[in-house]
C-alpha atoms as a PDB file:
ATOM      1  CA  MET A   1     -32.102  -9.450 -93.200  1.00  0.00           C
ATOM      2  CA  PRO A   2     -35.802  -7.511 -93.300  1.00  0.00           C
ATOM      3  CA  GLU A   3     -35.753  -5.708 -89.920  1.00  0.00           C
ATOM      4  CA  GLN A   4     -39.016  -6.760 -89.194  1.00  0.00           C
ATOM      5  CA  TYR A   5     -36.969 -10.140 -88.892  1.00  0.00           C
ATOM      6  CA  LEU A   6     -34.395  -9.507 -86.384  1.00  0.00           C
ATOM      7  CA  LYS A   7     -37.150  -7.456 -84.375  1.00  0.00           C
ATOM      8  CA  ASP A   8     -39.405 -10.478 -84.294  1.00  0.00           C
ATOM      9  CA  THR A   9     -36.127 -13.385 -82.934  1.00  0.00           C
ATOM     10  CA  ASN A  10     -34.035 -11.114 -80.286  1.00  0.00           C
ATOM     11  CA  LEU A  11     -31.248 -11.289 -82.618  1.00  0.00           C
ATOM     12  CA  LEU A  12     -30.327  -7.848 -81.670  1.00  0.00           C
ATOM     13  CA  ASP A  13     -30.714  -7.803 -77.500  1.00  0.00           C
ATOM     14  CA  PHE A  14     -27.546  -7.056 -75.819  1.00  0.00           C
ATOM     15  CA  ASN A  15     -27.216  -8.557 -72.825  1.00  0.00           C
ATOM     16  CA  SER A  16     -29.859 -10.717 -73.313  1.00  0.00           C
ATOM     17  CA  SER A  17     -30.931 -13.686 -70.041  1.00  0.00           C
ATOM     18  CA  PHE A  18     -28.899 -15.805 -72.587  1.00  0.00           C
ATOM     19  CA  GLU A  19     -26.210 -13.734 -72.656  1.00  0.00           C
ATOM     20  CA  LEU A  20     -25.654 -13.129 -69.201  1.00  0.00           C
ATOM     21  CA  GLY A  21     -27.255 -16.697 -68.280  1.00  0.00           C
ATOM     22  CA  LEU A  22     -23.928 -17.066 -70.341  1.00  0.00           C
ATOM     23  CA  ARG A  23     -21.001 -15.392 -68.433  1.00  0.00           C
ATOM     24  CA  ALA A  24     -22.858 -16.966 -65.579  1.00  0.00           C
ATOM     25  CA  LEU A  25     -22.063 -20.698 -65.933  1.00  0.00           C
ATOM     26  CA  GLY A  26     -18.604 -19.553 -67.346  1.00  0.00           C
ATOM     27  CA  ILE A  27     -17.858 -17.474 -63.544  1.00  0.00           C
ATOM     28  CA  LEU A  28     -19.235 -20.522 -61.680  1.00  0.00           C
ATOM     29  CA  ASN A  29     -17.628 -23.374 -63.559  1.00  0.00           C
ATOM     30  CA  GLU A  30     -14.092 -21.185 -62.517  1.00  0.00           C
ATOM     31  CA  ALA A  31     -15.346 -21.107 -59.243  1.00  0.00           C
ATOM     32  CA  TYR A  32     -16.614 -24.439 -58.823  1.00  0.00           C
ATOM     33  CA  PRO A  33     -17.056 -26.392 -56.207  1.00  0.00           C
ATOM     34  CA  GLY A  34     -17.516 -22.796 -54.422  1.00  0.00           C
ATOM     35  CA  SER A  35     -21.283 -21.338 -55.393  1.00  0.00           C
ATOM     36  CA  ILE A  36     -21.995 -17.409 -55.943  1.00  0.00           C
ATOM     37  CA  ASP A  37     -24.554 -15.417 -54.742  1.00  0.00           C
ATOM     38  CA  ILE A  38     -26.821 -13.574 -56.996  1.00  0.00           C
ATOM     39  CA  ARG A  39     -25.199  -9.884 -55.435  1.00  0.00           C
ATOM     40  CA  ARG A  40     -21.902 -11.342 -55.946  1.00  0.00           C
ATOM     41  CA  LEU A  41     -22.627 -12.811 -59.753  1.00  0.00           C
ATOM     42  CA  LEU A  42     -23.899  -9.388 -60.716  1.00  0.00           C
ATOM     43  CA  ILE A  43     -20.298  -8.046 -59.172  1.00  0.00           C
ATOM     44  CA  TYR A  44     -18.278 -10.655 -60.697  1.00  0.00           C
ATOM     45  CA  ASP A  45     -19.990 -10.311 -64.038  1.00  0.00           C
ATOM     46  CA  TYR A  46     -19.056  -6.943 -64.309  1.00  0.00           C
ATOM     47  CA  LEU A  47     -15.801  -7.593 -63.156  1.00  0.00           C
ATOM     48  CA  VAL A  48     -15.243  -9.708 -65.896  1.00  0.00           C
ATOM     49  CA  ILE A  49     -16.347  -8.130 -69.062  1.00  0.00           C
ATOM     50  CA  HIS A  50     -14.879  -4.443 -67.775  1.00  0.00           C
ATOM     51  CA  SER A  51     -11.603  -6.278 -66.105  1.00  0.00           C
ATOM     52  CA  SER A  52      -9.237  -3.851 -67.789  1.00  0.00           C
ATOM     53  CA  ASP A  53     -11.068  -1.297 -64.543  1.00  0.00           C
ATOM     54  CA  VAL A  54      -9.806  -3.403 -62.043  1.00  0.00           C
ATOM     55  CA  GLU A  55      -5.148  -2.537 -61.864  1.00  0.00           C
ATOM     56  CA  GLY A  56      -3.169  -4.731 -62.952  1.00  0.00           C
ATOM     57  CA  GLY A  57      -6.200  -7.097 -64.600  1.00  0.00           C
ATOM     58  CA  PRO A  58      -6.605  -8.058 -68.012  1.00  0.00           C
ATOM     59  CA  PRO A  59      -8.010  -6.762 -71.135  1.00  0.00           C
ATOM     60  CA  SER A  60     -12.031  -6.151 -70.864  1.00  0.00           C
ATOM     61  CA  LEU A  61     -14.531  -8.002 -73.022  1.00  0.00           C
ATOM     62  CA  HIS A  62     -16.161  -5.329 -73.101  1.00  0.00           C
ATOM     63  CA  PRO A  63     -15.562  -1.440 -74.126  1.00  0.00           C
ATOM     64  CA  SER A  64     -15.051   1.068 -71.183  1.00  0.00           C
ATOM     65  CA  ILE A  65     -17.801   3.135 -72.490  1.00  0.00           C
ATOM     66  CA  PRO A  66     -19.574   5.974 -70.276  1.00  0.00           C
ATOM     67  CA  HIS A  67     -21.861   4.465 -67.145  1.00  0.00           C
ATOM     68  CA  ARG A  68     -20.912   1.245 -67.503  1.00  0.00           C
ATOM     69  CA  SER A  69     -21.029   0.785 -64.309  1.00  0.00           C
ATOM     70  CA  ASN A  70     -24.718   1.712 -64.209  1.00  0.00           C
ATOM     71  CA  GLY A  71     -25.108  -1.308 -66.307  1.00  0.00           C
ATOM     72  CA  ILE A  72     -24.762  -3.453 -62.600  1.00  0.00           C
ATOM     73  CA  LEU A  73     -27.921  -1.394 -61.216  1.00  0.00           C
ATOM     74  CA  ILE A  74     -30.672  -2.846 -64.244  1.00  0.00           C
ATOM     75  CA  ARG A  75     -28.876  -6.005 -64.695  1.00  0.00           C
ATOM     76  CA  ARG A  76     -30.227  -8.299 -61.854  1.00  0.00           C
ATOM     77  CA  LYS A  77     -33.825  -8.791 -62.769  1.00  0.00           C
ATOM     78  CA  ILE A  78     -31.833 -10.121 -66.046  1.00  0.00           C
ATOM     79  CA  LEU A  79     -29.576 -12.370 -64.304  1.00  0.00           C
ATOM     80  CA  GLN A  80     -31.914 -13.808 -62.329  1.00  0.00           C
ATOM     81  CA  GLU A  81     -33.641 -15.029 -66.028  1.00  0.00           C
ATOM     82  CA  GLY A  82     -30.482 -16.368 -67.002  1.00  0.00           C
ATOM     83  CA  LEU A  83     -30.319 -18.277 -64.113  1.00  0.00           C
ATOM     84  CA  ASN A  84     -33.707 -19.953 -64.234  1.00  0.00           C
ATOM     85  CA  LEU A  85     -32.647 -20.576 -67.634  1.00  0.00           C
ATOM     86  CA  MET A  86     -29.728 -22.254 -67.080  1.00  0.00           C
ATOM     87  CA  TYR A  87     -31.241 -24.374 -64.009  1.00  0.00           C
ATOM     88  CA  SER A  88     -33.803 -25.112 -66.092  1.00  0.00           C
ATOM     89  CA  LYS A  89     -31.210 -27.376 -68.928  1.00  0.00           C
ATOM     90  CA  ASN A  90     -29.444 -28.837 -65.575  1.00  0.00           C
ATOM     91  CA  LEU A  91     -25.881 -26.496 -66.645  1.00  0.00           C
ATOM     92  CA  ILE A  92     -26.751 -24.693 -63.029  1.00  0.00           C
ATOM     93  CA  ASP A  93     -27.800 -26.202 -59.249  1.00  0.00           C
ATOM     94  CA  ILE A  94     -29.514 -23.752 -56.630  1.00  0.00           C
ATOM     95  CA  VAL A  95     -27.893 -24.427 -53.045  1.00  0.00           C
ATOM     96  CA  TYR A  96     -29.953 -23.606 -50.588  1.00  0.00           C
ATOM     97  CA  ASP A  97     -28.047 -22.811 -46.983  1.00  0.00           C
ATOM     98  CA  ASN A  98     -27.722 -20.674 -44.097  1.00  0.00           C
ATOM     99  CA  SER A  99     -26.684 -18.486 -45.777  1.00  0.00           C
ATOM    100  CA  GLY A 100     -29.084 -17.980 -48.750  1.00  0.00           C
ATOM    101  CA  ILE A 101     -29.836 -19.115 -52.097  1.00  0.00           C
ATOM    102  CA  SER A 102     -26.217 -19.761 -54.261  1.00  0.00           C
ATOM    103  CA  TYR A 103     -25.610 -20.613 -57.873  1.00  0.00           C
ATOM    104  CA  LYS A 104     -22.940 -23.177 -57.813  1.00  0.00           C
ATOM    105  CA  ALA A 105     -21.931 -25.278 -61.485  1.00  0.00           C
ATOM    106  CA  SER A 106     -23.300 -28.665 -61.415  1.00  0.00           C
ATOM    107  CA  ASN A 107     -21.434 -31.321 -64.234  1.00  0.00           C
ATOM    108  CA  LEU A 108     -22.731 -29.995 -67.461  1.00  0.00           C
ATOM    109  CA  THR A 109     -21.504 -27.018 -67.130  1.00  0.00           C
ATOM    110  CA  GLU A 110     -18.238 -28.263 -68.668  1.00  0.00           C
ATOM    111  CA  PRO A 111     -19.095 -29.966 -71.172  1.00  0.00           C
ATOM    112  CA  PHE A 112     -21.264 -27.563 -72.683  1.00  0.00           C
ATOM    113  CA  LEU A 113     -18.938 -24.609 -72.254  1.00  0.00           C
ATOM    114  CA  ASP A 114     -16.559 -26.843 -74.281  1.00  0.00           C
ATOM    115  CA  LEU A 115     -18.814 -26.814 -76.905  1.00  0.00           C
ATOM    116  CA  PHE A 116     -18.123 -23.488 -78.025  1.00  0.00           C
ATOM    117  CA  GLN A 117     -15.253 -22.760 -79.812  1.00  0.00           C
ATOM    118  CA  THR A 118     -15.590 -18.695 -80.448  1.00  0.00           C
ATOM    119  CA  MET A 119     -12.715 -16.461 -78.770  1.00  0.00           C
ATOM    120  CA  TYR A 120     -15.225 -14.649 -76.771  1.00  0.00           C
ATOM    121  CA  LEU A 121     -16.024 -16.766 -74.619  1.00  0.00           C
ATOM    122  CA  GLY A 122     -12.322 -18.503 -74.049  1.00  0.00           C
ATOM    123  CA  LYS A 123     -11.420 -14.622 -73.044  1.00  0.00           C
ATOM    124  CA  LEU A 124     -14.231 -15.325 -70.928  1.00  0.00           C
ATOM    125  CA  ARG A 125     -13.261 -17.972 -69.057  1.00  0.00           C
ATOM    126  CA  GLU A 126     -10.256 -16.800 -68.653  1.00  0.00           C
ATOM    127  CA  ASN A 127     -11.349 -13.165 -67.078  1.00  0.00           C
ATOM    128  CA  ALA A 128     -13.903 -15.555 -64.774  1.00  0.00           C
ATOM    129  CA  GLN A 129     -10.709 -17.602 -63.396  1.00  0.00           C
ATOM    130  CA  TRP A 130      -8.774 -13.806 -63.347  1.00  0.00           C
ATOM    131  CA  VAL A 131     -11.814 -12.380 -60.782  1.00  0.00           C
ATOM    132  CA  ILE A 132     -11.580 -15.777 -58.749  1.00  0.00           C
ATOM    133  CA  MET A 133      -8.573 -16.209 -57.952  1.00  0.00           C
ATOM    134  CA  ASN A 134      -8.155 -12.035 -56.910  1.00  0.00           C
ATOM    135  CA  PHE A 135     -11.672 -11.726 -55.479  1.00  0.00           C
ATOM    136  CA  GLU A 136     -13.006 -14.755 -53.639  1.00  0.00           C
ATOM    137  CA  LEU A 137     -11.210 -14.558 -50.956  1.00  0.00           C
ATOM    138  CA  PHE A 138     -13.153 -11.164 -50.156  1.00  0.00           C
ATOM    139  CA  ASP A 139     -15.591 -11.574 -47.315  1.00  0.00           C
ATOM    140  CA  ASP A 140     -18.926  -9.500 -48.343  1.00  0.00           C
ATOM    141  CA  ASP A 141     -18.521  -6.495 -46.951  1.00  0.00           C
ATOM    142  CA  GLU A 142     -14.911  -6.237 -48.173  1.00  0.00           C
ATOM    143  CA  ILE A 143     -16.127  -7.030 -52.242  1.00  0.00           C
ATOM    144  CA  ASN A 144     -19.061  -4.202 -51.236  1.00  0.00           C
ATOM    145  CA  ASN A 145     -16.475  -1.291 -49.768  1.00  0.00           C
ATOM    146  CA  TYR A 146     -14.097  -2.424 -53.209  1.00  0.00           C
ATOM    147  CA  VAL A 147     -17.096  -2.304 -55.772  1.00  0.00           C
ATOM    148  CA  GLU A 148     -17.934   1.427 -53.660  1.00  0.00           C
ATOM    149  CA  ALA A 149     -14.840   2.765 -53.956  1.00  0.00           C
ATOM    150  CA  HIS A 150     -14.395   2.017 -57.292  1.00  0.00           C
ATOM    151  CA  LEU A 151     -17.839   2.755 -59.272  1.00  0.00           C
ATOM    152  CA  VAL A 152     -17.993   6.590 -59.952  1.00  0.00           C
ATOM    153  CA  GLU A 153     -13.891   5.548 -61.574  1.00  0.00           C
ATOM    154  CA  TRP A 154     -15.635   2.898 -63.756  1.00  0.00           C
ATOM    155  CA  GLY A 155     -17.574   4.850 -65.107  1.00  0.00           C
ATOM    156  CA  GLY A 156     -20.653   5.376 -61.864  1.00  0.00           C
ATOM    157  CA  ASP A 157     -22.619   8.446 -61.260  1.00  0.00           C
ATOM    158  CA  TYR A 158     -25.676   5.889 -58.602  1.00  0.00           C
ATOM    159  CA  ASP A 159     -24.766   4.520 -55.050  1.00  0.00           C
ATOM    160  CA  TYR A 160     -24.081   0.709 -54.430  1.00  0.00           C
ATOM    161  CA  GLU A 161     -27.515   0.516 -51.645  1.00  0.00           C
ATOM    162  CA  PHE A 162     -29.552  -1.531 -54.759  1.00  0.00           C
ATOM    163  CA  LEU A 163     -26.715  -4.384 -54.427  1.00  0.00           C
ATOM    164  CA  ASN A 164     -28.131  -5.286 -50.943  1.00  0.00           C
ATOM    165  CA  GLU A 165     -32.057  -4.413 -52.291  1.00  0.00           C
ATOM    166  CA  GLU A 166     -33.721  -8.287 -51.899  1.00  0.00           C
ATOM    167  CA  GLU A 167     -35.554  -9.564 -54.916  1.00  0.00           C
ATOM    168  CA  GLU A 168     -37.831 -12.222 -55.620  1.00  0.00           C
ATOM    169  CA  GLU A 169     -34.999 -14.947 -56.069  1.00  0.00           C
END
């Protein structure tokens, strides 16, 4: 395949808005009927793909590369684009309430995910279920403290304050 074709079609994009949106669908599907805000989705996304970073967690989907937790820093905008894409296809619903903006699976989420017959997506859904079962009862402070306490151990060297920054939703 010509190199220019690969560049033009973005076939080599890693952590693209589509990929993050698809992972968010898997997470939201497991959390249904609950909704999740973008900060928690960022954390859950990390935990889904690097689940073995958590003691007793299932095998990770992605390798444990150095500085992997720094990915949380750069993914917010890409995740937002992925959520917007999935919303534009009616694959998620946006919830506006007193606690802010959150996202939840729509009635099309599970049938859409069922169309994929890949080992990766099957494992992603298993890991998403594990993350929801183990972390959904953490309040915002508890999950923030948990992540802060483990960032360096997970291969990061940045402060966690970025998750508390308000960005345009």
